[in-house]
C-alpha cells in the first residue's frame, strides 16, 4: 500500500487551516483518510474564541479516531459524533449559533477487506479510481451551483445560503449536517486508488483547466502530491492579477492539501 500526504498553507506567514490524516488500524485490516478544509473567517466577529486551525485539528483528530476505532459505524454517523465532540469542547465559551462559528469542508474515505466507503461535504473532492482505470470525482456541488450574485458578500451568504436549505453545508457546530453529505460505498475489489483534495489543490482542474480529474490523478501517481501543489502555486503566481473571488473575497493563494492512497 502506498500513501502520500501533502498540506501547504496558501501564505507562509499564515497558519494552515486544512487538516489531513491517514489512519491504519493495528489489525492491519483496512484504513481511513480524513481531509478537512477550514473555512477562512471574515475579519468581523465570529462568536468564537478559537481559530479555524484549532477547530480543524479537533474535528480531524476526532474523525481519525472514530473512523478507525468504530469500523461498523457509518461515516455520516462518525461525522455527526465528531462534530458533537468538537462542539462540546467550546460550547461553554463560544456562541456556536453564530453563522461564522469555525467550520470546514469534509472528505472521508474508509476501506476494509470488503468495501470502500466515502463521504464528501462541501467543495473538497474525492477521486476514486476503479480497477479498470476509470476515475470518478465524488463532489458536493451545491456551492458551485449557486449563482455568482448569491456570493456577492459575506453577509448575503451567511444570511441566506451558509448551512441553509437551498444553499450549501459545512461541518460547523450542528451534528445533523452530517446527513447532508454525499455518501456511498463500493466493493473493495473495484477500487484501486483514492485521492482527496481541498479546493486549493483542486484548482489545477477547476480554475486553471490544466486537465481533467483523471489527468490530475495521473500527475500525482507519477510525480507525487508535492508536484501537484507546486504546479498550482506556479499557476497562481502567473494568474495573480486575475485571482478568483471566493465568497466576495479574492484569494490568490489558498491552502492546498492532497491525500493519496493506493489500495
Protein backbone atom coordinates (compact mmCIF):
# COMPACT_ATOMS: atom_id res chain seq x y z
CA UNK A 1 0.00 0.00 0.00
CA UNK A 2 1.28 3.47 -0.91
CA UNK A 3 0.06 6.62 0.82
CA UNK A 4 1.21 10.20 0.39
CA UNK A 5 0.11 13.35 2.21
CA UNK A 6 0.95 16.96 1.38
CA UNK A 7 -0.54 20.06 3.01
CA UNK A 8 0.73 23.59 2.47
CA UNK A 9 -0.62 26.96 3.61
CA UNK A 10 -1.52 29.46 0.95
CA UNK A 11 0.79 32.04 2.56
CA UNK A 12 3.91 31.23 4.54
CA UNK A 13 3.07 33.75 7.26
CA UNK A 14 -0.48 32.44 7.78
CA UNK A 15 -1.45 29.22 9.57
CA UNK A 16 -2.65 26.30 7.51
CA UNK A 17 -6.39 25.84 8.08
CA UNK A 18 -6.50 22.41 6.39
CA UNK A 19 -6.19 19.04 8.14
CA UNK A 20 -5.15 15.69 6.69
CA UNK A 21 -4.59 12.23 8.15
CA UNK A 22 -4.46 8.57 7.24
CA UNK A 23 -5.42 6.08 9.93
CA UNK A 24 -4.30 2.45 9.76
CA UNK A 25 -5.70 0.19 12.50
CA UNK A 26 -3.39 -2.08 14.46
CA UNK A 27 -5.17 -5.09 12.99
CA UNK A 28 -3.72 -4.22 9.60
CA UNK A 29 -7.17 -4.60 8.08
CA UNK A 30 -8.27 -1.53 6.18
CA UNK A 31 -7.75 2.14 6.96
CA UNK A 32 -9.22 5.61 6.57
CA UNK A 33 -8.31 9.04 5.29
CA UNK A 34 -9.57 12.41 6.50
CA UNK A 35 -9.23 15.76 4.72
CA UNK A 36 -10.70 19.00 6.06
CA UNK A 37 -10.57 22.46 4.52
CA UNK A 38 -11.12 25.06 7.21
CA UNK A 39 -13.32 27.95 6.11
CA UNK A 40 -11.38 31.21 6.37
CA UNK A 41 -13.39 33.55 8.62
CA UNK A 42 -14.12 37.18 7.82
CA UNK A 43 -12.35 39.89 9.76
CA UNK A 44 -15.58 40.61 11.62
CA UNK A 45 -16.91 38.82 14.70
CA UNK A 46 -17.28 35.02 14.59
CA UNK A 47 -18.69 34.41 18.04
CA UNK A 48 -15.79 32.08 18.87
CA UNK A 49 -12.59 32.41 20.90
CA UNK A 50 -10.88 29.75 18.83
CA UNK A 51 -9.11 29.76 15.50
CA UNK A 52 -10.03 27.70 12.45
CA UNK A 53 -6.84 25.58 12.84
CA UNK A 54 -7.95 24.77 16.41
CA UNK A 55 -11.30 23.62 15.06
CA UNK A 56 -9.94 21.53 12.18
CA UNK A 57 -7.38 19.87 14.47
CA UNK A 58 -10.12 18.93 16.94
CA UNK A 59 -12.59 17.75 14.32
CA UNK A 60 -9.95 15.99 12.24
CA UNK A 61 -8.50 14.24 15.26
CA UNK A 62 -11.93 13.01 16.31
CA UNK A 63 -12.70 11.78 12.79
CA UNK A 64 -9.37 9.94 12.53
CA UNK A 65 -10.08 8.13 15.79
CA UNK A 66 -13.73 7.35 15.11
CA UNK A 67 -13.33 6.12 11.53
CA UNK A 68 -10.65 3.66 12.66
CA UNK A 69 -11.92 2.61 16.10
CA UNK A 70 -15.58 2.21 15.10
CA UNK A 71 -15.44 0.45 11.72
CA UNK A 72 -19.10 -0.57 11.84
CA UNK A 73 -20.38 3.00 12.41
CA UNK A 74 -21.36 4.64 9.09
CA UNK A 75 -19.24 7.61 8.06
CA UNK A 76 -22.13 10.05 8.39
CA UNK A 77 -22.65 8.93 11.97
CA UNK A 78 -18.91 9.22 12.65
CA UNK A 79 -19.02 12.79 11.34
CA UNK A 80 -22.05 13.59 13.48
CA UNK A 81 -20.30 12.26 16.60
CA UNK A 82 -17.09 14.14 15.78
CA UNK A 83 -18.98 17.42 15.35
CA UNK A 84 -20.77 16.86 18.65
CA UNK A 85 -17.49 16.16 20.42
CA UNK A 86 -15.83 19.23 18.94
CA UNK A 87 -18.80 21.45 19.73
CA UNK A 88 -18.80 20.28 23.34
CA UNK A 89 -15.15 21.35 23.65
CA UNK A 90 -16.07 25.04 23.27
CA UNK A 91 -19.82 25.36 23.81
CA UNK A 92 -19.34 26.98 27.22
CA UNK A 93 -17.08 29.74 25.91
CA UNK A 94 -18.33 30.41 22.37
CA UNK A 95 -21.53 31.25 20.51
CA UNK A 96 -21.95 28.16 18.36
CA UNK A 97 -25.13 29.56 16.80
CA UNK A 98 -23.11 32.28 15.03
CA UNK A 99 -23.09 31.61 11.24
CA UNK A 100 -19.30 32.02 11.22
CA UNK A 101 -18.50 29.72 14.11
CA UNK A 102 -15.41 27.74 12.94
CA UNK A 103 -16.27 25.25 10.20
CA UNK A 104 -14.77 23.09 7.48
CA UNK A 105 -15.43 21.05 4.38
CA UNK A 106 -15.01 17.30 4.85
CA UNK A 107 -13.76 14.35 2.82
CA UNK A 108 -13.72 10.90 4.43
CA UNK A 109 -12.88 7.51 2.97
CA UNK A 110 -12.61 4.20 4.78
CA UNK A 111 -11.66 0.82 3.39
CA UNK A 112 -11.94 -2.72 4.71
CA UNK A 113 -11.32 -6.09 3.05
CA UNK A 114 -14.92 -5.94 1.81
CA UNK A 115 -15.71 -2.34 0.89
CA UNK A 116 -14.67 1.29 0.40
CA UNK A 117 -16.97 3.90 1.96
CA UNK A 118 -16.85 7.61 1.23
CA UNK A 119 -18.32 10.93 2.38
CA UNK A 120 -17.95 14.42 0.91
CA UNK A 121 -19.39 17.61 2.40
CA UNK A 122 -18.95 20.94 0.57
CA UNK A 123 -16.37 21.82 -2.04
CA UNK A 124 -13.43 19.49 -1.44
CA UNK A 125 -13.15 16.46 -3.74
CA UNK A 126 -12.58 12.72 -3.59
CA UNK A 127 -11.26 10.89 -6.65
CA UNK A 128 -11.97 7.18 -6.93
CA UNK A 129 -10.07 5.09 -9.46
CA UNK A 130 -11.57 1.69 -10.20
CA UNK A 131 -9.75 -1.44 -11.25
CA UNK A 132 -10.24 -0.69 -14.95
CA UNK A 133 -8.60 2.76 -14.61
CA UNK A 134 -11.80 4.83 -14.64
CA UNK A 135 -11.52 7.92 -12.40
CA UNK A 136 -14.73 9.27 -10.88
CA UNK A 137 -14.84 12.50 -8.86
CA UNK A 138 -17.15 12.43 -5.86
CA UNK A 139 -18.29 16.04 -5.41
CA UNK A 140 -20.78 18.01 -3.35
CA UNK A 141 -21.53 20.72 -5.90
CA UNK A 142 -24.16 22.75 -4.03
CA UNK A 143 -21.82 25.72 -3.57
CA UNK A 144 -20.77 25.61 -7.24
CA UNK A 145 -24.41 25.65 -8.36
CA UNK A 146 -25.16 28.95 -6.63
CA UNK A 147 -25.17 32.00 -8.92
CA UNK A 148 -22.28 34.40 -8.52
CA UNK A 149 -24.74 37.07 -7.34
CA UNK A 150 -25.57 34.89 -4.33
CA UNK A 151 -21.92 35.05 -3.22
CA UNK A 152 -21.51 38.80 -3.56
CA UNK A 153 -20.92 39.49 0.14
CA UNK A 154 -20.27 37.53 3.32
CA UNK A 155 -23.41 39.00 4.87
CA UNK A 156 -25.56 37.76 1.99
CA UNK A 157 -24.04 34.28 2.10
CA UNK A 158 -24.37 33.99 5.88
CA UNK A 159 -27.96 35.21 5.92
CA UNK A 160 -29.33 33.07 3.10
CA UNK A 161 -27.01 30.28 1.96
CA UNK A 162 -24.47 29.07 4.54
CA UNK A 163 -25.79 25.90 6.16
CA UNK A 164 -29.28 26.62 4.89
CA UNK A 165 -31.73 24.88 2.58
CA UNK A 166 -31.16 25.99 -0.99
CA UNK A 167 -27.56 26.88 -0.15
CA UNK A 168 -24.61 24.74 0.91
CA UNK A 169 -23.47 22.92 4.05
CA UNK A 170 -20.24 22.66 6.02
CA UNK A 171 -19.24 20.90 9.24
CA UNK A 172 -19.67 23.56 11.92
CA UNK A 173 -21.48 23.08 15.25
CA UNK A 174 -24.65 21.22 14.24
CA UNK A 175 -24.15 17.43 14.06
CA UNK A 176 -27.27 16.99 11.93
CA UNK A 177 -25.38 18.45 8.95
CA UNK A 178 -23.72 15.06 8.51
CA UNK A 179 -26.94 13.82 6.95
CA UNK A 180 -26.44 16.39 4.15
CA UNK A 181 -23.17 14.86 2.95
CA UNK A 182 -22.70 12.93 -0.27
CA UNK A 183 -22.08 9.31 0.76
CA UNK A 184 -21.70 5.90 -0.81
CA UNK A 185 -19.81 2.63 -0.85
CA UNK A 186 -18.13 0.37 -3.40
CA UNK A 187 -16.76 -3.18 -3.26
CA UNK A 188 -13.10 -3.10 -2.24
CA UNK A 189 -12.20 -5.22 -5.26
CA UNK A 190 -13.40 -2.43 -7.57
CA UNK A 191 -11.25 0.35 -6.10
CA UNK A 192 -7.57 0.77 -6.90
CA UNK A 193 -6.75 4.33 -5.81
CA UNK A 194 -8.20 7.19 -3.74
CA UNK A 195 -7.20 10.85 -3.73
CA UNK A 196 -8.74 13.52 -1.52
CA UNK A 197 -8.16 17.19 -2.33
CA UNK A 198 -9.07 20.51 -0.77
CA UNK A 199 -10.19 23.05 -3.35
CA UNK A 200 -6.79 24.76 -3.11
CA UNK A 201 -5.25 21.69 -4.77
CA UNK A 202 -8.28 21.05 -6.98
CA UNK A 203 -7.70 24.44 -8.64
CA UNK A 204 -5.44 22.57 -11.11
CA UNK A 205 -8.69 21.28 -12.65
CA UNK A 206 -11.42 23.65 -11.55
CA UNK A 207 -9.75 27.01 -12.02
CA UNK A 208 -6.74 26.58 -14.26
CA UNK A 209 -8.12 23.84 -16.55
CA UNK A 210 -4.76 22.06 -16.81
CA UNK A 211 -6.56 18.77 -17.32
CA UNK A 212 -9.44 16.70 -16.01
CA UNK A 213 -9.62 14.73 -12.76
CA UNK A 214 -8.10 11.64 -14.37
CA UNK A 215 -5.16 13.76 -15.56
CA UNK A 216 -4.70 15.13 -12.04
CA UNK A 217 -4.64 11.65 -10.53
CA UNK A 218 -2.12 10.53 -13.15
CA UNK A 219 0.09 13.50 -12.26
CA UNK A 220 0.01 12.66 -8.55
CA UNK A 221 0.74 8.98 -9.21
CA UNK A 222 3.69 9.72 -11.49
CA UNK A 223 5.22 12.85 -9.96
CA UNK A 224 3.77 12.94 -6.45
CA UNK A 225 1.40 15.15 -4.50
CA UNK A 226 4.11 17.76 -3.96
CA UNK A 227 4.42 18.22 -7.72
CA UNK A 228 0.70 18.98 -7.96
CA UNK A 229 0.83 21.61 -5.21
CA UNK A 230 3.97 23.17 -6.72
CA UNK A 231 2.30 23.41 -10.11
CA UNK A 232 -0.78 25.06 -8.59
CA UNK A 233 1.47 27.63 -6.92
CA UNK A 234 3.15 28.40 -10.24
CA UNK A 235 -0.22 28.87 -11.91
CA UNK A 236 -1.45 31.09 -9.07
CA UNK A 237 1.58 33.36 -9.32
CA UNK A 238 1.13 33.65 -13.07
CA UNK A 239 -2.57 34.47 -12.62
CA UNK A 240 -2.21 36.82 -9.64
CA UNK A 241 -3.85 39.73 -11.45
CA UNK A 242 -6.95 37.66 -12.17
CA UNK A 243 -7.27 35.83 -8.88
CA UNK A 244 -10.63 34.21 -8.30
CA UNK A 245 -13.27 35.58 -5.99
CA UNK A 246 -14.44 33.33 -3.17
CA UNK A 247 -17.49 34.47 -1.23
CA UNK A 248 -16.76 38.08 -2.03
CA UNK A 249 -13.02 37.96 -1.30
CA UNK A 250 -10.10 37.47 -3.65
CA UNK A 251 -7.66 34.69 -2.79
CA UNK A 252 -4.55 34.47 -4.94
CA UNK A 253 -3.21 31.53 -2.92
CA UNK A 254 -5.22 29.01 -0.93
CA UNK A 255 -4.21 26.26 1.48
CA UNK A 256 -3.64 23.14 -0.61
CA UNK A 257 -3.91 19.57 0.68
CA UNK A 258 -3.67 16.21 -1.07
CA UNK A 259 -4.12 12.72 0.41
CA UNK A 260 -3.26 9.87 -1.97
CA UNK A 261 -3.74 6.16 -1.26
CA UNK A 262 -3.16 3.15 -3.48
CA UNK A 263 -5.20 0.32 -2.02
